[in-house]
Amino acid sequence: MKSKILALSKSEEFQTLLKSKKTSNKYVTIFFGNLNNRNKNNLNISFVTKKKIGNAVKRNKIKRRLRNIMNDAYKKISINLNYSYLVIAKSTMLNNEFKLIKETLFHEFNKIKKWIFLHAFWSNLSKSINT
């Protein structure tokens, strides 16, 4: 069963995510944040490849790889659907094995998952202290 992945479509959604929290590795840069008016039942994620990476065939190959990895991640890692994600690919994705890229991205999304959990924990703790 394929997961339902919805792409970001509005320019202001991209601008909001580019100003939010980010994590980076040698393959991708991932921006993530909480967007209002987004469907919370689906994974809101967009994949961006710059023209500097190569021609359309190479860029589409990277996007196919990322979509495939995210479908697996959606099933194996409990990705927070309240957040939206913007994945910007780097040119190093073309020259490396799929398995290595997949392991690295799984690691990054686990880091994001921990950050979201700790952020929610500390914000709830600070609210309870202030009241």
N, C-alpha and C. Protein backbone atom coordinates (compact mmCIF):
# COMPACT_ATOMS: atom_id res chain seq x y z
N MET A 1 0.84 -1.18 0.00
CA MET A 1 0.00 0.00 0.00
C MET A 1 0.88 1.24 0.00
N LYS A 2 0.65 2.14 -0.92
CA LYS A 2 1.40 3.38 -1.00
C LYS A 2 0.82 4.41 -0.04
N SER A 3 1.68 5.19 0.55
CA SER A 3 1.22 6.26 1.42
C SER A 3 0.76 7.43 0.56
N LYS A 4 -0.08 8.25 1.13
CA LYS A 4 -0.56 9.41 0.41
C LYS A 4 0.35 10.58 0.73
N ILE A 5 1.13 10.99 -0.26
CA ILE A 5 2.04 12.11 -0.11
C ILE A 5 1.46 13.30 -0.87
N LEU A 6 1.29 14.39 -0.17
CA LEU A 6 0.80 15.61 -0.79
C LEU A 6 1.94 16.60 -0.91
N ALA A 7 2.06 17.21 -2.07
CA ALA A 7 3.12 18.18 -2.31
C ALA A 7 2.65 19.57 -1.88
N LEU A 8 3.59 20.37 -1.44
CA LEU A 8 3.29 21.77 -1.15
C LEU A 8 3.06 22.48 -2.47
N SER A 9 2.11 23.40 -2.51
CA SER A 9 1.80 24.01 -3.79
C SER A 9 1.90 25.54 -3.79
N LYS A 10 1.73 26.17 -2.66
CA LYS A 10 1.70 27.62 -2.63
C LYS A 10 3.07 28.19 -2.29
N SER A 11 3.36 29.32 -2.88
CA SER A 11 4.65 29.97 -2.66
C SER A 11 4.85 30.34 -1.20
N GLU A 12 3.80 30.77 -0.53
CA GLU A 12 3.93 31.15 0.87
C GLU A 12 4.23 29.95 1.77
N GLU A 13 3.79 28.76 1.37
CA GLU A 13 4.13 27.55 2.13
C GLU A 13 5.64 27.29 2.05
N PHE A 14 6.20 27.44 0.85
CA PHE A 14 7.63 27.26 0.69
C PHE A 14 8.40 28.31 1.49
N GLN A 15 7.94 29.56 1.42
CA GLN A 15 8.63 30.63 2.13
C GLN A 15 8.59 30.41 3.65
N THR A 16 7.45 29.94 4.16
CA THR A 16 7.33 29.67 5.59
C THR A 16 8.26 28.55 6.01
N LEU A 17 8.32 27.49 5.23
CA LEU A 17 9.20 26.37 5.57
C LEU A 17 10.67 26.74 5.48
N LEU A 18 11.02 27.60 4.52
CA LEU A 18 12.42 28.01 4.39
C LEU A 18 12.89 28.85 5.58
N LYS A 19 11.94 29.43 6.32
CA LYS A 19 12.28 30.20 7.51
C LYS A 19 12.21 29.37 8.78
N SER A 20 11.79 28.12 8.67
CA SER A 20 11.60 27.29 9.86
C SER A 20 12.85 26.45 10.13
N LYS A 21 12.71 25.46 10.97
CA LYS A 21 13.82 24.61 11.41
C LYS A 21 14.36 23.79 10.23
N LYS A 22 15.68 23.54 10.24
CA LYS A 22 16.26 22.74 9.16
C LYS A 22 17.33 21.81 9.70
N THR A 23 17.54 20.75 8.97
CA THR A 23 18.63 19.81 9.23
C THR A 23 19.25 19.46 7.89
N SER A 24 20.53 19.13 7.91
CA SER A 24 21.22 18.94 6.65
C SER A 24 22.23 17.81 6.77
N ASN A 25 22.47 17.14 5.66
CA ASN A 25 23.55 16.15 5.57
C ASN A 25 24.16 16.28 4.17
N LYS A 26 24.99 15.32 3.80
CA LYS A 26 25.67 15.47 2.51
C LYS A 26 24.78 15.18 1.30
N TYR A 27 23.58 14.64 1.52
CA TYR A 27 22.68 14.32 0.41
C TYR A 27 21.53 15.31 0.25
N VAL A 28 20.97 15.78 1.37
CA VAL A 28 19.80 16.65 1.31
C VAL A 28 19.84 17.68 2.44
N THR A 29 19.03 18.72 2.26
CA THR A 29 18.70 19.65 3.33
C THR A 29 17.20 19.54 3.54
N ILE A 30 16.79 19.33 4.78
CA ILE A 30 15.38 19.14 5.08
C ILE A 30 14.91 20.31 5.95
N PHE A 31 13.92 21.03 5.45
CA PHE A 31 13.26 22.07 6.23
C PHE A 31 11.95 21.49 6.73
N PHE A 32 11.61 21.75 7.98
CA PHE A 32 10.36 21.23 8.51
C PHE A 32 9.73 22.25 9.45
N GLY A 33 8.43 22.28 9.43
CA GLY A 33 7.69 23.20 10.29
C GLY A 33 6.22 22.88 10.26
N ASN A 34 5.52 23.53 11.15
CA ASN A 34 4.08 23.32 11.27
C ASN A 34 3.36 24.37 10.42
N LEU A 35 2.68 23.93 9.38
CA LEU A 35 1.91 24.84 8.52
C LEU A 35 0.44 24.74 8.86
N ASN A 36 -0.21 25.88 8.90
CA ASN A 36 -1.66 25.89 9.12
C ASN A 36 -2.37 25.55 7.81
N ASN A 37 -3.59 25.12 7.92
CA ASN A 37 -4.45 24.82 6.77
C ASN A 37 -3.90 23.69 5.90
N ARG A 38 -3.19 22.76 6.49
CA ARG A 38 -2.69 21.60 5.74
C ARG A 38 -3.41 20.35 6.22
N ASN A 39 -3.54 19.38 5.34
CA ASN A 39 -4.19 18.12 5.67
C ASN A 39 -3.32 17.33 6.63
N LYS A 40 -3.84 17.05 7.83
CA LYS A 40 -3.07 16.35 8.86
C LYS A 40 -3.14 14.83 8.70
N ASN A 41 -3.92 14.33 7.73
CA ASN A 41 -4.03 12.89 7.52
C ASN A 41 -3.02 12.36 6.51
N ASN A 42 -2.35 13.27 5.80
CA ASN A 42 -1.40 12.88 4.77
C ASN A 42 -0.04 13.48 5.06
N LEU A 43 0.97 12.93 4.44
CA LEU A 43 2.33 13.45 4.57
C LEU A 43 2.50 14.61 3.62
N ASN A 44 2.72 15.80 4.16
CA ASN A 44 2.89 17.01 3.34
C ASN A 44 4.39 17.23 3.13
N ILE A 45 4.84 16.89 1.94
CA ILE A 45 6.28 16.97 1.65
C ILE A 45 6.49 17.33 0.19
N SER A 46 7.52 18.13 -0.06
CA SER A 46 7.89 18.45 -1.43
C SER A 46 9.37 18.19 -1.62
N PHE A 47 9.72 17.77 -2.82
CA PHE A 47 11.11 17.48 -3.16
C PHE A 47 11.57 18.50 -4.20
N VAL A 48 12.73 19.11 -3.95
CA VAL A 48 13.25 20.12 -4.85
C VAL A 48 14.64 19.70 -5.30
N THR A 49 14.87 19.77 -6.60
CA THR A 49 16.21 19.56 -7.15
C THR A 49 16.55 20.77 -8.00
N LYS A 50 17.71 21.33 -7.76
CA LYS A 50 18.11 22.53 -8.48
C LYS A 50 18.59 22.17 -9.88
N LYS A 51 18.48 23.10 -10.79
CA LYS A 51 18.92 22.87 -12.17
C LYS A 51 20.43 22.67 -12.25
N LYS A 52 21.14 23.17 -11.27
CA LYS A 52 22.59 23.03 -11.23
C LYS A 52 23.01 21.55 -11.13
N ILE A 53 22.13 20.71 -10.62
CA ILE A 53 22.44 19.28 -10.45
C ILE A 53 22.63 18.59 -11.79
N GLY A 54 21.81 18.93 -12.78
CA GLY A 54 21.93 18.29 -14.08
C GLY A 54 20.67 18.47 -14.90
N ASN A 55 20.57 17.67 -15.95
CA ASN A 55 19.40 17.79 -16.83
C ASN A 55 18.16 17.18 -16.17
N ALA A 56 17.04 17.24 -16.86
CA ALA A 56 15.76 16.80 -16.29
C ALA A 56 15.78 15.32 -15.93
N VAL A 57 16.47 14.51 -16.69
CA VAL A 57 16.53 13.07 -16.41
C VAL A 57 17.19 12.82 -15.06
N LYS A 58 18.29 13.51 -14.80
CA LYS A 58 19.00 13.34 -13.53
C LYS A 58 18.17 13.88 -12.36
N ARG A 59 17.54 15.02 -12.55
CA ARG A 59 16.73 15.60 -11.48
C ARG A 59 15.53 14.71 -11.17
N ASN A 60 14.89 14.16 -12.19
CA ASN A 60 13.75 13.28 -11.96
C ASN A 60 14.17 11.97 -11.30
N LYS A 61 15.36 11.48 -11.61
CA LYS A 61 15.88 10.28 -10.95
C LYS A 61 16.01 10.53 -9.45
N ILE A 62 16.53 11.69 -9.09
CA ILE A 62 16.68 12.03 -7.68
C ILE A 62 15.31 12.12 -7.00
N LYS A 63 14.35 12.74 -7.66
CA LYS A 63 13.01 12.86 -7.08
C LYS A 63 12.35 11.50 -6.92
N ARG A 64 12.54 10.60 -7.89
CA ARG A 64 11.99 9.24 -7.77
C ARG A 64 12.60 8.52 -6.58
N ARG A 65 13.91 8.66 -6.43
CA ARG A 65 14.59 8.04 -5.28
C ARG A 65 14.03 8.58 -3.96
N LEU A 66 13.88 9.89 -3.88
CA LEU A 66 13.38 10.50 -2.65
C LEU A 66 11.95 10.07 -2.35
N ARG A 67 11.09 10.02 -3.37
CA ARG A 67 9.71 9.56 -3.16
C ARG A 67 9.69 8.13 -2.66
N ASN A 68 10.52 7.28 -3.25
CA ASN A 68 10.58 5.88 -2.84
C ASN A 68 11.05 5.77 -1.38
N ILE A 69 12.08 6.52 -1.03
CA ILE A 69 12.59 6.49 0.34
C ILE A 69 11.52 6.99 1.32
N MET A 70 10.81 8.04 0.94
CA MET A 70 9.79 8.58 1.85
C MET A 70 8.61 7.64 2.01
N ASN A 71 8.25 6.91 0.97
CA ASN A 71 7.20 5.90 1.12
C ASN A 71 7.62 4.84 2.12
N ASP A 72 8.88 4.40 2.06
CA ASP A 72 9.38 3.43 3.04
C ASP A 72 9.46 4.04 4.43
N ALA A 73 9.92 5.27 4.53
CA ALA A 73 10.04 5.93 5.83
C ALA A 73 8.67 6.12 6.47
N TYR A 74 7.68 6.43 5.66
CA TYR A 74 6.32 6.64 6.16
C TYR A 74 5.80 5.35 6.82
N LYS A 75 6.18 4.21 6.25
CA LYS A 75 5.72 2.92 6.78
C LYS A 75 6.53 2.48 8.00
N LYS A 76 7.84 2.73 7.99
CA LYS A 76 8.72 2.19 9.03
C LYS A 76 8.98 3.14 10.19
N ILE A 77 8.98 4.43 9.93
CA ILE A 77 9.19 5.44 10.97
C ILE A 77 7.87 6.18 11.13
N SER A 78 7.47 6.43 12.34
CA SER A 78 6.22 7.17 12.53
C SER A 78 6.52 8.66 12.35
N ILE A 79 6.41 9.12 11.13
CA ILE A 79 6.67 10.51 10.78
C ILE A 79 5.49 11.36 11.24
N ASN A 80 5.79 12.48 11.87
CA ASN A 80 4.74 13.36 12.39
C ASN A 80 4.01 14.04 11.23
N LEU A 81 2.71 13.76 11.12
CA LEU A 81 1.92 14.31 10.02
C LEU A 81 1.47 15.74 10.28
N ASN A 82 1.68 16.25 11.50
CA ASN A 82 1.33 17.64 11.80
C ASN A 82 2.33 18.61 11.20
N TYR A 83 3.47 18.11 10.80
CA TYR A 83 4.52 18.94 10.23
C TYR A 83 4.57 18.77 8.72
N SER A 84 5.05 19.79 8.05
CA SER A 84 5.29 19.73 6.61
C SER A 84 6.78 19.76 6.37
N TYR A 85 7.21 19.14 5.29
CA TYR A 85 8.64 18.97 5.03
C TYR A 85 8.97 19.45 3.62
N LEU A 86 10.16 20.05 3.51
CA LEU A 86 10.70 20.45 2.22
C LEU A 86 12.09 19.85 2.11
N VAL A 87 12.27 18.95 1.15
CA VAL A 87 13.54 18.25 0.97
C VAL A 87 14.23 18.80 -0.27
N ILE A 88 15.39 19.41 -0.05
CA ILE A 88 16.17 19.96 -1.16
C ILE A 88 17.36 19.05 -1.39
N ALA A 89 17.43 18.46 -2.57
CA ALA A 89 18.47 17.48 -2.89
C ALA A 89 19.77 18.17 -3.26
N LYS A 90 20.86 17.47 -2.96
CA LYS A 90 22.19 17.94 -3.34
C LYS A 90 22.73 17.02 -4.44
N SER A 91 23.74 17.49 -5.15
CA SER A 91 24.25 16.75 -6.30
C SER A 91 24.92 15.43 -5.90
N THR A 92 25.29 15.25 -4.64
CA THR A 92 25.94 14.00 -4.21
C THR A 92 24.99 12.81 -4.26
N MET A 93 23.70 13.05 -4.39
CA MET A 93 22.74 11.95 -4.47
C MET A 93 22.91 11.13 -5.74
N LEU A 94 23.39 11.74 -6.79
CA LEU A 94 23.52 11.04 -8.07
C LEU A 94 24.59 9.96 -8.04
N ASN A 95 25.65 10.19 -7.31
CA ASN A 95 26.83 9.33 -7.39
C ASN A 95 26.89 8.25 -6.31
N ASN A 96 25.90 8.16 -5.44
CA ASN A 96 25.96 7.21 -4.34
C ASN A 96 24.87 6.16 -4.44
N GLU A 97 25.08 5.08 -3.71
CA GLU A 97 24.13 3.96 -3.73
C GLU A 97 22.83 4.33 -3.04
N PHE A 98 21.76 3.75 -3.52
CA PHE A 98 20.43 4.00 -2.98
C PHE A 98 20.36 3.61 -1.51
N LYS A 99 20.94 2.47 -1.17
CA LYS A 99 20.88 1.96 0.20
C LYS A 99 21.54 2.93 1.19
N LEU A 100 22.67 3.49 0.81
CA LEU A 100 23.38 4.43 1.66
C LEU A 100 22.58 5.72 1.85
N ILE A 101 21.99 6.20 0.78
CA ILE A 101 21.16 7.41 0.86
C ILE A 101 19.95 7.16 1.75
N LYS A 102 19.34 5.99 1.60
CA LYS A 102 18.16 5.63 2.39
C LYS A 102 18.49 5.58 3.87
N GLU A 103 19.61 4.96 4.24
CA GLU A 103 20.01 4.90 5.65
C GLU A 103 20.24 6.29 6.22
N THR A 104 20.88 7.15 5.44
CA THR A 104 21.16 8.51 5.90
C THR A 104 19.87 9.30 6.10
N LEU A 105 18.93 9.18 5.16
CA LEU A 105 17.67 9.91 5.29
C LEU A 105 16.82 9.37 6.44
N PHE A 106 16.83 8.05 6.66
CA PHE A 106 16.14 7.49 7.81
C PHE A 106 16.71 8.07 9.10
N HIS A 107 18.03 8.19 9.15
CA HIS A 107 18.68 8.76 10.33
C HIS A 107 18.25 10.22 10.53
N GLU A 108 18.19 10.98 9.46
CA GLU A 108 17.77 12.39 9.55
C GLU A 108 16.33 12.51 10.03
N PHE A 109 15.43 11.67 9.51
CA PHE A 109 14.04 11.76 9.94
C PHE A 109 13.86 11.28 11.37
N ASN A 110 14.71 10.37 11.83
CA ASN A 110 14.69 10.01 13.25
C ASN A 110 15.14 11.18 14.11
N LYS A 111 16.14 11.93 13.65
CA LYS A 111 16.58 13.12 14.38
C LYS A 111 15.46 14.15 14.44
N ILE A 112 14.76 14.33 13.33
CA ILE A 112 13.65 15.28 13.30
C ILE A 112 12.55 14.83 14.26
N LYS A 113 12.26 13.54 14.26
CA LYS A 113 11.24 12.99 15.14
C LYS A 113 11.58 13.26 16.61
N LYS A 114 12.86 13.06 16.98
CA LYS A 114 13.30 13.32 18.35
C LYS A 114 13.19 14.80 18.67
N TRP A 115 13.57 15.67 17.72
CA TRP A 115 13.50 17.10 17.95
C TRP A 115 12.05 17.53 18.20
N ILE A 116 11.12 17.03 17.39
CA ILE A 116 9.70 17.37 17.54
C ILE A 116 9.20 16.91 18.89
N PHE A 117 9.58 15.70 19.30
CA PHE A 117 9.15 15.17 20.59
C PHE A 117 9.67 16.04 21.73
N LEU A 118 10.97 16.36 21.70
CA LEU A 118 11.56 17.18 22.76
C LEU A 118 10.98 18.59 22.77
N HIS A 119 10.76 19.14 21.59
CA HIS A 119 10.17 20.48 21.50
C HIS A 119 8.78 20.49 22.13
N ALA A 120 7.96 19.49 21.83
CA ALA A 120 6.62 19.40 22.41
C ALA A 120 6.71 19.18 23.92
N PHE A 121 7.64 18.35 24.37
CA PHE A 121 7.81 18.08 25.79
C PHE A 121 8.17 19.35 26.55
N TRP A 122 9.16 20.10 26.05
CA TRP A 122 9.61 21.30 26.74
C TRP A 122 8.57 22.40 26.69
N SER A 123 7.83 22.52 25.61
CA SER A 123 6.79 23.55 25.55
C SER A 123 5.66 23.23 26.52
N ASN A 124 5.30 21.94 26.66
CA ASN A 124 4.27 21.55 27.62
C ASN A 124 4.77 21.76 29.04
N LEU A 125 6.04 21.47 29.29
CA LEU A 125 6.61 21.65 30.61
C LEU A 125 6.64 23.12 31.00
N SER A 126 7.02 23.97 30.06
CA SER A 126 7.07 25.41 30.36
C SER A 126 5.67 25.98 30.58
N LYS A 127 4.67 25.45 29.87
CA LYS A 127 3.29 25.91 30.09
C LYS A 127 2.81 25.51 31.47
N SER A 128 3.15 24.30 31.91
CA SER A 128 2.70 23.85 33.24
C SER A 128 3.42 24.61 34.36
N ILE A 129 4.64 25.04 34.14
CA ILE A 129 5.38 25.82 35.14
C ILE A 129 4.79 27.22 35.25
N ASN A 130 4.42 27.80 34.12
CA ASN A 130 3.90 29.17 34.10
C ASN A 130 2.49 29.28 34.67
N THR A 131 1.74 28.19 34.70
CA THR A 131 0.36 28.27 35.20
C THR A 131 0.26 27.96 36.66
